[in-house]
Amino acid sequence: MYRTIPVKSRFTTEEQVFWVDQCEHANSLINCAIYHAKQAHYSNLERQGNAFTIYWRGDELCYGWKTYKCHTTYPELDKALKDNPHYKAMAAQSAQQTLKSVSESIVSYNGLVNLYYKGEVDRPSLPKYRKKGGLAAVTFPRQALTYKDGFFYPSISRETKPHLITDIALPLPEFIDSDWVKEVTIRPCYGELWVDWVIDDGKEAMVNNPNFDYSQAWSFDHGGTNWLTGVSTRGKSLIIDGRRLKAMNQGYCRLVAKYKQGKSDFYWDFNLDRVQRKRNNQMRDAVNKAARFIINQCLNDRVGNLIIGWNEGQKNGSNMGKRNNQNFVVIPTKRLIDRLKQLCPEYGIVLTITEEAYTSKASFLDGDSLPKYGEKPECDSFSRNLIPGGWLATVE
């Protein structure tokens, strides 16, 4: 199974300078690729004629380029930018990986164009330019890495190598076998550099675990103060407390408000980087521990099914008040579900994500259907209505 293991970098001063320079070249190369793709796209529209359109955006009548697919591909980008100084400053395969990321963004844009004309999404736009002088991730596939004595040595371009005063090496973590490594990415994150090790440990996903009883299940509902409340068909129940998560998020919001007091909405500095890093690490730790606790509970009880209630988009545009939004919206439940999607196949646990939009109205005992949010139920009303104080059967 493929995994990505992020490790905080511990580079020397010389290595730090080299990697920052490579990330700057990657950022500039992305901007050059986007510029080339946009110019080719707009030139193609002008040749077709009627390149511009008038459309409404809210209450304003706007004028701009027509929304058509962009036909620029990765081979075209690679051919056009091969002599670019930023391309030459990077290792060839690393620069190619950077251009492939732009090509993938264009493919995603083309997919949104199809959905736009079906009325499923808002008007899409081509990939936007990155901030000038910023940093972007640098990726090295396995072919661009040489392993020797516990270190991986990445390929370095001919233009950059004469200026180096030290060898550039990436120490392999002790818990990773060198044969597992498939790709290494150096990425910036809030003022720091991280090394992402993409590995394949050779394990296969389990389809059917003989130790599990697949007629049994654990079911979890998420909330705020009680982050996760679970019950099982074996008669067990548990609650994962969410008060500490709420407290950490409240502390984060207070610090951000303190450092941005009197500043513009776009103000950001080193202190805010530090606060954001700490909060992200706390949330990641909470997600990993909660996911591991749930998996271990299934293993101990030999339960083969895991069910979690989740409504897609339920946090978008949430209007529960400032305090309730802070206590509910920022809790990373979706990240927990994504983490469980990664862990469950490893142990043969069947994960089911179900909507819970109508669970307060539908009655399982009365055979009510559970439609998706926004879809009209098969019947005009459910067999039971929830009122303050309990359930009340509808009298026909």
Protein backbone atom coordinates (compact mmCIF):
# COMPACT_ATOMS: atom_id res chain seq x y z
CA MET A 1 0.00 0.00 0.00
CA TYR A 2 1.18 3.49 -0.82
CA ARG A 3 1.67 5.91 2.06
CA THR A 4 3.01 9.42 2.46
CA ILE A 5 5.11 10.04 5.57
CA PRO A 6 5.88 13.73 6.30
CA VAL A 7 9.07 14.43 8.24
CA LYS A 8 10.17 17.86 9.41
CA SER A 9 13.46 18.78 7.76
CA ARG A 10 16.68 19.28 9.71
CA PHE A 11 18.87 20.81 7.02
CA THR A 12 22.16 22.57 7.57
CA THR A 13 22.40 26.24 6.58
CA GLU A 14 23.93 25.37 3.19
CA GLU A 15 21.30 22.71 2.49
CA GLN A 16 18.51 25.08 3.53
CA VAL A 17 19.74 27.69 1.05
CA PHE A 18 19.86 25.11 -1.74
CA TRP A 19 16.34 23.80 -1.12
CA VAL A 20 14.86 27.28 -0.79
CA ASP A 21 16.47 28.16 -4.13
CA GLN A 22 15.01 25.02 -5.73
CA CYS A 23 11.54 25.80 -4.34
CA GLU A 24 11.78 29.35 -5.71
CA HIS A 25 12.66 28.01 -9.17
CA ALA A 26 9.74 25.56 -8.97
CA ASN A 27 7.40 28.43 -8.08
CA SER A 28 8.65 30.52 -11.01
CA LEU A 29 8.44 27.55 -13.39
CA ILE A 30 4.79 27.03 -12.44
CA ASN A 31 4.05 30.68 -13.24
CA CYS A 32 5.83 30.37 -16.58
CA ALA A 33 3.82 27.25 -17.44
CA ILE A 34 0.53 28.92 -16.50
CA TYR A 35 1.47 31.98 -18.59
CA HIS A 36 2.26 29.80 -21.61
CA ALA A 37 -0.99 27.84 -21.20
CA LYS A 38 -3.10 30.99 -20.89
CA GLN A 39 -1.50 32.70 -23.90
CA ALA A 40 -2.01 29.62 -26.04
CA HIS A 41 -5.60 29.31 -24.83
CA TYR A 42 -6.47 32.96 -25.53
CA SER A 43 -4.79 32.89 -28.93
CA ASN A 44 -6.86 29.85 -29.81
CA LEU A 45 -10.05 31.65 -28.75
CA GLU A 46 -9.18 34.70 -30.86
CA ARG A 47 -8.62 32.51 -33.93
CA GLN A 48 -12.05 30.96 -33.45
CA GLY A 49 -13.74 34.36 -33.33
CA ASN A 50 -16.27 35.63 -30.77
CA ALA A 51 -13.67 35.17 -28.07
CA PHE A 52 -15.48 37.31 -25.50
CA THR A 53 -18.81 36.93 -23.76
CA ILE A 54 -21.14 38.97 -21.56
CA TYR A 55 -22.43 37.34 -18.40
CA TRP A 56 -23.95 38.22 -15.05
CA ARG A 57 -22.01 37.93 -11.80
CA GLY A 58 -24.40 38.64 -8.98
CA ASP A 59 -26.02 41.97 -9.85
CA GLU A 60 -23.21 43.08 -12.17
CA LEU A 61 -22.99 42.58 -15.92
CA CYS A 62 -19.46 41.34 -16.66
CA TYR A 63 -17.39 41.00 -19.82
CA GLY A 64 -14.63 38.45 -20.29
CA TRP A 65 -13.21 35.49 -22.15
CA LYS A 66 -15.57 32.73 -23.15
CA THR A 67 -15.44 29.57 -21.07
CA TYR A 68 -13.92 26.89 -23.29
CA LYS A 69 -11.60 24.00 -22.59
CA CYS A 70 -7.86 24.59 -22.56
CA HIS A 71 -6.05 22.18 -24.89
CA THR A 72 -2.49 22.73 -23.60
CA THR A 73 -0.94 19.41 -22.58
CA TYR A 74 2.12 18.39 -20.61
CA PRO A 75 4.23 17.50 -23.70
CA GLU A 76 3.58 20.99 -25.08
CA LEU A 77 4.61 22.62 -21.80
CA ASP A 78 7.76 20.51 -21.58
CA LYS A 79 8.76 21.33 -25.15
CA ALA A 80 8.08 25.07 -24.79
CA LEU A 81 9.85 25.52 -21.44
CA LYS A 82 12.85 23.23 -21.88
CA ASP A 83 15.15 26.23 -22.38
CA ASN A 84 13.62 28.22 -19.53
CA PRO A 85 16.26 29.24 -16.93
CA HIS A 86 14.08 27.97 -14.08
CA TYR A 87 13.71 24.61 -15.83
CA LYS A 88 17.50 24.36 -16.28
CA ALA A 89 18.17 25.29 -12.65
CA MET A 90 16.24 22.22 -11.51
CA ALA A 91 16.90 18.54 -12.10
CA ALA A 92 15.21 17.47 -15.33
CA GLN A 93 12.84 14.95 -13.74
CA SER A 94 12.02 17.35 -10.92
CA ALA A 95 11.15 20.11 -13.40
CA GLN A 96 9.02 17.66 -15.36
CA GLN A 97 7.09 16.77 -12.21
CA THR A 98 6.45 20.47 -11.66
CA LEU A 99 5.09 20.88 -15.19
CA LYS A 100 2.92 17.78 -14.73
CA SER A 101 1.28 19.43 -11.72
CA VAL A 102 0.28 22.37 -13.95
CA SER A 103 -0.99 19.97 -16.60
CA GLU A 104 -3.11 18.20 -13.98
CA SER A 105 -4.60 21.57 -12.94
CA ILE A 106 -5.58 22.23 -16.57
CA VAL A 107 -7.20 18.79 -16.79
CA SER A 108 -9.19 19.61 -13.64
CA TYR A 109 -10.24 22.93 -15.18
CA ASN A 110 -11.49 21.12 -18.30
CA GLY A 111 -13.52 18.80 -16.11
CA LEU A 112 -15.10 21.81 -14.39
CA VAL A 113 -15.98 23.29 -17.78
CA ASN A 114 -18.07 20.19 -18.53
CA LEU A 115 -19.83 20.50 -15.18
CA TYR A 116 -20.31 24.25 -15.72
CA TYR A 117 -22.31 23.71 -18.91
CA LYS A 118 -24.41 21.12 -17.07
CA GLY A 119 -25.20 23.74 -14.43
CA GLU A 120 -23.53 21.82 -11.60
CA VAL A 121 -20.77 24.32 -10.71
CA ASP A 122 -20.09 28.04 -10.92
CA ARG A 123 -18.08 29.56 -13.77
CA PRO A 124 -14.56 28.09 -13.51
CA SER A 125 -11.30 29.95 -14.17
CA LEU A 126 -7.90 28.85 -15.42
CA PRO A 127 -5.17 28.15 -12.81
CA LYS A 128 -4.07 31.37 -11.14
CA TYR A 129 -0.50 32.62 -10.83
CA ARG A 130 1.41 31.94 -7.66
CA LYS A 131 2.86 34.73 -5.56
CA LYS A 132 6.06 36.13 -7.02
CA GLY A 133 9.11 35.08 -5.02
CA GLY A 134 7.16 32.37 -3.21
CA LEU A 135 8.06 28.72 -2.73
CA ALA A 136 6.58 25.62 -4.35
CA ALA A 137 7.10 21.92 -3.71
CA VAL A 138 9.96 20.11 -5.46
CA THR A 139 9.39 16.43 -6.27
CA PHE A 140 11.95 13.74 -7.09
CA PRO A 141 10.75 10.37 -8.46
CA ARG A 142 12.71 7.26 -7.50
CA GLN A 143 14.71 7.38 -10.75
CA ALA A 144 16.13 10.78 -9.73
CA LEU A 145 17.38 9.49 -6.37
CA THR A 146 20.55 7.58 -5.55
CA TYR A 147 20.74 5.61 -2.31
CA LYS A 148 24.04 5.16 -0.46
CA ASP A 149 24.85 4.46 3.22
CA GLY A 150 21.48 5.53 4.60
CA PHE A 151 21.17 8.68 2.48
CA PHE A 152 19.29 9.52 -0.69
CA TYR A 153 21.17 11.84 -3.05
CA PRO A 154 18.83 13.75 -5.41
CA SER A 155 19.77 14.64 -8.97
CA ILE A 156 21.12 18.17 -9.44
CA SER A 157 21.17 20.15 -12.67
CA ARG A 158 24.41 21.01 -14.46
CA GLU A 159 23.81 24.76 -13.99
CA THR A 160 23.39 24.43 -10.21
CA LYS A 161 25.98 21.77 -9.32
CA PRO A 162 29.12 23.94 -9.82
CA HIS A 163 27.83 26.45 -7.24
CA LEU A 164 27.38 23.91 -4.44
CA ILE A 165 29.79 23.94 -1.51
CA THR A 166 28.41 20.78 0.14
CA ASP A 167 26.81 17.49 -0.83
CA ILE A 168 23.00 17.49 -0.83
CA ALA A 169 21.68 14.39 0.91
CA LEU A 170 18.38 13.33 2.45
CA PRO A 171 18.77 11.04 5.49
CA LEU A 172 16.39 8.09 5.33
CA PRO A 173 14.22 7.70 8.49
CA GLU A 174 15.02 4.54 10.45
CA PHE A 175 11.48 3.15 10.13
CA ILE A 176 11.52 3.29 6.30
CA ASP A 177 13.21 0.67 4.14
CA SER A 178 15.13 2.07 1.18
CA ASP A 179 13.34 -0.31 -1.21
CA TRP A 180 9.99 1.16 -0.20
CA VAL A 181 10.74 4.70 -1.38
CA LYS A 182 8.94 5.68 -4.60
CA GLU A 183 9.09 9.47 -4.45
CA VAL A 184 10.41 12.28 -2.27
CA THR A 185 8.94 15.79 -2.09
CA ILE A 186 10.45 18.86 -0.43
CA ARG A 187 7.58 21.23 0.35
CA PRO A 188 7.32 24.54 2.20
CA CYS A 189 4.78 24.78 5.01
CA TYR A 190 4.30 27.91 7.13
CA GLY A 191 7.92 29.02 7.11
CA GLU A 192 9.43 25.52 7.35
CA LEU A 193 10.49 22.81 4.91
CA TRP A 194 9.10 19.30 5.18
CA VAL A 195 10.23 16.09 3.48
CA ASP A 196 7.38 13.86 2.26
CA TRP A 197 8.43 10.25 1.75
CA VAL A 198 6.07 8.37 -0.59
CA ILE A 199 6.54 4.67 0.08
CA ASP A 200 5.06 1.33 -0.94
CA ASP A 201 5.50 -1.16 1.92
CA GLY A 202 4.21 -4.08 -0.14
CA LYS A 203 1.11 -4.70 1.99
CA GLU A 204 -2.12 -5.50 0.19
CA ALA A 205 -5.57 -4.29 1.18
CA MET A 206 -7.60 -6.99 2.93
CA VAL A 207 -11.01 -7.74 1.41
CA ASN A 208 -12.18 -10.25 3.99
CA ASN A 209 -10.61 -10.62 7.42
CA PRO A 210 -11.40 -14.07 8.91
CA ASN A 211 -11.08 -12.64 12.43
CA PHE A 212 -14.04 -10.28 11.93
CA ASP A 213 -17.76 -10.83 12.24
CA TYR A 214 -19.24 -8.83 9.37
CA SER A 215 -22.76 -9.11 10.79
CA GLN A 216 -21.71 -6.71 13.59
CA ALA A 217 -21.00 -2.97 13.34
CA TRP A 218 -19.81 0.12 15.15
CA SER A 219 -21.70 3.33 14.30
CA PHE A 220 -20.51 6.88 15.07
CA ASP A 221 -22.21 10.26 15.06
CA HIS A 222 -20.12 13.45 15.20
CA GLY A 223 -20.79 16.65 17.09
CA GLY A 224 -19.02 19.40 19.00
CA THR A 225 -18.62 18.86 22.75
CA ASN A 226 -18.97 15.12 22.14
CA TRP A 227 -16.81 14.85 19.06
CA LEU A 228 -17.79 11.25 18.30
CA THR A 229 -20.53 9.21 19.93
CA GLY A 230 -20.52 5.53 19.05
CA VAL A 231 -22.68 2.49 19.69
CA SER A 232 -22.19 -1.07 18.52
CA THR A 233 -24.48 -3.97 17.76
CA ARG A 234 -22.78 -5.82 20.61
CA GLY A 235 -24.34 -3.40 23.12
CA LYS A 236 -21.25 -1.27 23.75
CA SER A 237 -21.03 2.52 23.56
CA LEU A 238 -18.35 5.18 23.83
CA ILE A 239 -17.81 8.93 23.52
CA ILE A 240 -14.67 10.68 22.24
CA ASP A 241 -14.49 14.01 24.04
CA GLY A 242 -14.28 17.11 21.85
CA ARG A 243 -13.86 19.75 24.55
CA ARG A 244 -10.09 19.78 24.29
CA LEU A 245 -10.32 20.28 20.52
CA LYS A 246 -12.70 23.18 21.08
CA ALA A 247 -10.32 24.71 23.64
CA MET A 248 -7.35 24.44 21.28
CA ASN A 249 -9.29 26.07 18.46
CA GLN A 250 -10.50 28.86 20.72
CA GLY A 251 -6.91 29.52 21.84
CA TYR A 252 -5.80 29.58 18.21
CA CYS A 253 -8.52 32.07 17.26
CA ARG A 254 -7.60 34.34 20.19
CA LEU A 255 -3.93 34.41 19.21
CA VAL A 256 -4.72 35.11 15.55
CA ALA A 257 -7.02 37.96 16.56
CA LYS A 258 -4.30 39.33 18.87
CA TYR A 259 -1.56 39.36 16.23
CA LYS A 260 -3.83 40.74 13.50
CA GLN A 261 -5.38 43.46 15.63
CA GLY A 262 -5.23 46.74 13.72
CA LYS A 263 -3.76 45.02 10.66
CA SER A 264 -5.33 44.29 7.27
CA ASP A 265 -7.16 41.04 6.57
CA PHE A 266 -4.21 39.84 4.45
CA TYR A 267 -1.55 40.50 7.11
CA TRP A 268 0.64 37.51 7.97
CA ASP A 269 3.98 37.19 9.73
CA PHE A 270 6.32 34.71 11.44
CA ASN A 271 4.29 34.64 14.68
CA LEU A 272 1.15 33.71 12.78
CA ASP A 273 3.13 30.99 10.96
CA ARG A 274 4.13 29.57 14.33
CA VAL A 275 0.56 29.69 15.68
CA GLN A 276 -0.82 28.04 12.55
CA ARG A 277 1.82 25.28 12.63
CA LYS A 278 1.03 24.49 16.26
CA ARG A 279 -2.70 24.34 15.61
CA ASN A 280 -2.26 22.11 12.54
CA ASN A 281 -0.03 19.73 14.48
CA GLN A 282 -2.58 19.54 17.30
CA MET A 283 -5.41 18.76 14.89
CA ARG A 284 -3.33 16.17 13.03
CA ASP A 285 -2.42 14.49 16.32
CA ALA A 286 -6.06 14.42 17.44
CA VAL A 287 -7.22 12.96 14.11
CA ASN A 288 -4.56 10.22 14.12
CA LYS A 289 -5.23 9.24 17.73
CA ALA A 290 -9.01 9.16 17.27
CA ALA A 291 -8.70 7.08 14.09
CA ARG A 292 -6.35 4.62 15.77
CA PHE A 293 -8.66 4.35 18.81
CA ILE A 294 -11.65 3.54 16.57
CA ILE A 295 -9.70 0.95 14.57
CA ASN A 296 -8.42 -0.70 17.75
CA GLN A 297 -11.97 -0.82 19.11
CA CYS A 298 -13.11 -2.66 15.99
CA LEU A 299 -10.16 -5.05 16.26
CA ASN A 300 -10.78 -5.79 19.94
CA ASP A 301 -14.50 -6.42 19.41
CA ARG A 302 -13.93 -8.32 16.12
CA VAL A 303 -16.41 -6.02 14.38
CA GLY A 304 -16.08 -5.87 10.59
CA ASN A 305 -18.29 -2.86 9.81
CA LEU A 306 -17.75 0.79 10.63
CA ILE A 307 -20.51 3.33 9.91
CA ILE A 308 -20.14 7.11 10.19
CA GLY A 309 -22.80 9.73 9.56
CA TRP A 310 -21.69 12.64 7.41
CA ASN A 311 -23.46 15.21 5.20
CA GLU A 312 -21.34 16.56 2.35
CA GLY A 313 -21.15 20.35 2.44
CA GLN A 314 -22.87 20.66 5.79
CA LYS A 315 -20.22 23.08 7.07
CA ASN A 316 -20.30 25.33 4.02
CA GLY A 317 -22.21 28.48 4.79
CA SER A 318 -22.98 27.32 8.32
CA ASN A 319 -24.87 30.04 10.19
CA MET A 320 -25.12 28.87 13.80
CA GLY A 321 -23.65 31.99 15.38
CA LYS A 322 -20.01 32.98 15.89
CA ARG A 323 -19.38 30.77 18.91
CA ASN A 324 -21.17 27.69 17.60
CA ASN A 325 -19.45 28.01 14.23
CA GLN A 326 -16.09 28.16 15.99
CA ASN A 327 -16.94 25.08 18.06
CA PHE A 328 -18.32 22.97 15.20
CA VAL A 329 -17.09 24.06 11.77
CA VAL A 330 -13.36 23.99 12.54
CA ILE A 331 -13.45 20.50 14.10
CA PRO A 332 -11.63 18.32 11.50
CA THR A 333 -14.19 15.51 11.25
CA LYS A 334 -13.77 15.18 7.48
CA ARG A 335 -10.03 14.66 7.93
CA LEU A 336 -10.82 11.93 10.45
CA ILE A 337 -13.07 10.20 7.89
CA ASP A 338 -10.31 10.46 5.26
CA ARG A 339 -7.86 8.93 7.73
CA LEU A 340 -10.25 6.05 8.42
CA LYS A 341 -10.57 5.49 4.67
CA GLN A 342 -6.82 4.92 4.63
CA LEU A 343 -6.68 2.61 7.66
CA CYS A 344 -9.78 0.45 7.18
CA PRO A 345 -8.62 -1.41 4.00
CA GLU A 346 -5.41 -2.37 5.79
CA TYR A 347 -7.36 -4.43 8.35
CA GLY A 348 -10.31 -5.51 6.20
CA ILE A 349 -12.86 -3.23 7.92
CA VAL A 350 -15.80 -2.16 5.75
CA LEU A 351 -16.28 1.60 6.11
CA THR A 352 -19.69 3.07 5.23
CA ILE A 353 -20.31 6.81 5.06
CA THR A 354 -24.02 7.58 5.22
CA GLU A 355 -26.05 10.76 5.24
CA GLU A 356 -27.79 11.75 8.44
CA ALA A 357 -29.92 14.62 7.17
CA TYR A 358 -33.24 12.95 8.01
CA THR A 359 -32.25 10.68 10.89
CA SER A 360 -34.24 12.84 13.32
CA LYS A 361 -37.42 12.23 11.33
CA ALA A 362 -37.08 8.76 9.82
CA SER A 363 -37.91 5.70 11.90
CA PHE A 364 -36.07 2.46 11.23
CA LEU A 365 -38.65 0.46 13.16
CA ASP A 366 -41.42 1.78 10.90
CA GLY A 367 -39.48 1.10 7.70
CA ASP A 368 -38.98 4.74 6.69
CA SER A 369 -36.57 5.42 3.83
CA LEU A 370 -33.56 7.64 4.41
CA PRO A 371 -33.23 9.91 1.33
CA LYS A 372 -30.31 12.18 0.57
CA TYR A 373 -30.48 15.80 1.58
CA GLY A 374 -32.53 17.86 -0.87
CA GLU A 375 -34.20 14.86 -2.47
CA LYS A 376 -37.93 14.53 -2.02
CA PRO A 377 -38.85 11.52 0.17
CA GLU A 378 -40.97 8.76 -1.31
CA CYS A 379 -43.78 9.71 1.03
CA ASP A 380 -44.97 13.20 1.91
CA SER A 381 -44.14 12.76 5.58
CA PHE A 382 -42.28 10.35 7.80
CA SER A 383 -44.17 8.01 10.07
CA ARG A 384 -42.95 9.83 13.17
CA ASN A 385 -42.25 13.47 13.98
CA LEU A 386 -39.64 14.60 16.48
CA ILE A 387 -40.97 17.12 18.97
CA PRO A 388 -39.36 18.60 22.10
CA GLY A 389 -39.65 15.98 24.78
CA GLY A 390 -39.53 12.84 22.66
CA TRP A 391 -41.10 10.92 19.78
CA LEU A 392 -44.75 11.28 18.87
CA ALA A 393 -46.44 8.86 16.50
CA THR A 394 -48.42 10.46 13.70
CA VAL A 395 -52.09 9.69 13.98
CA GLU A 396 -53.64 8.84 10.60
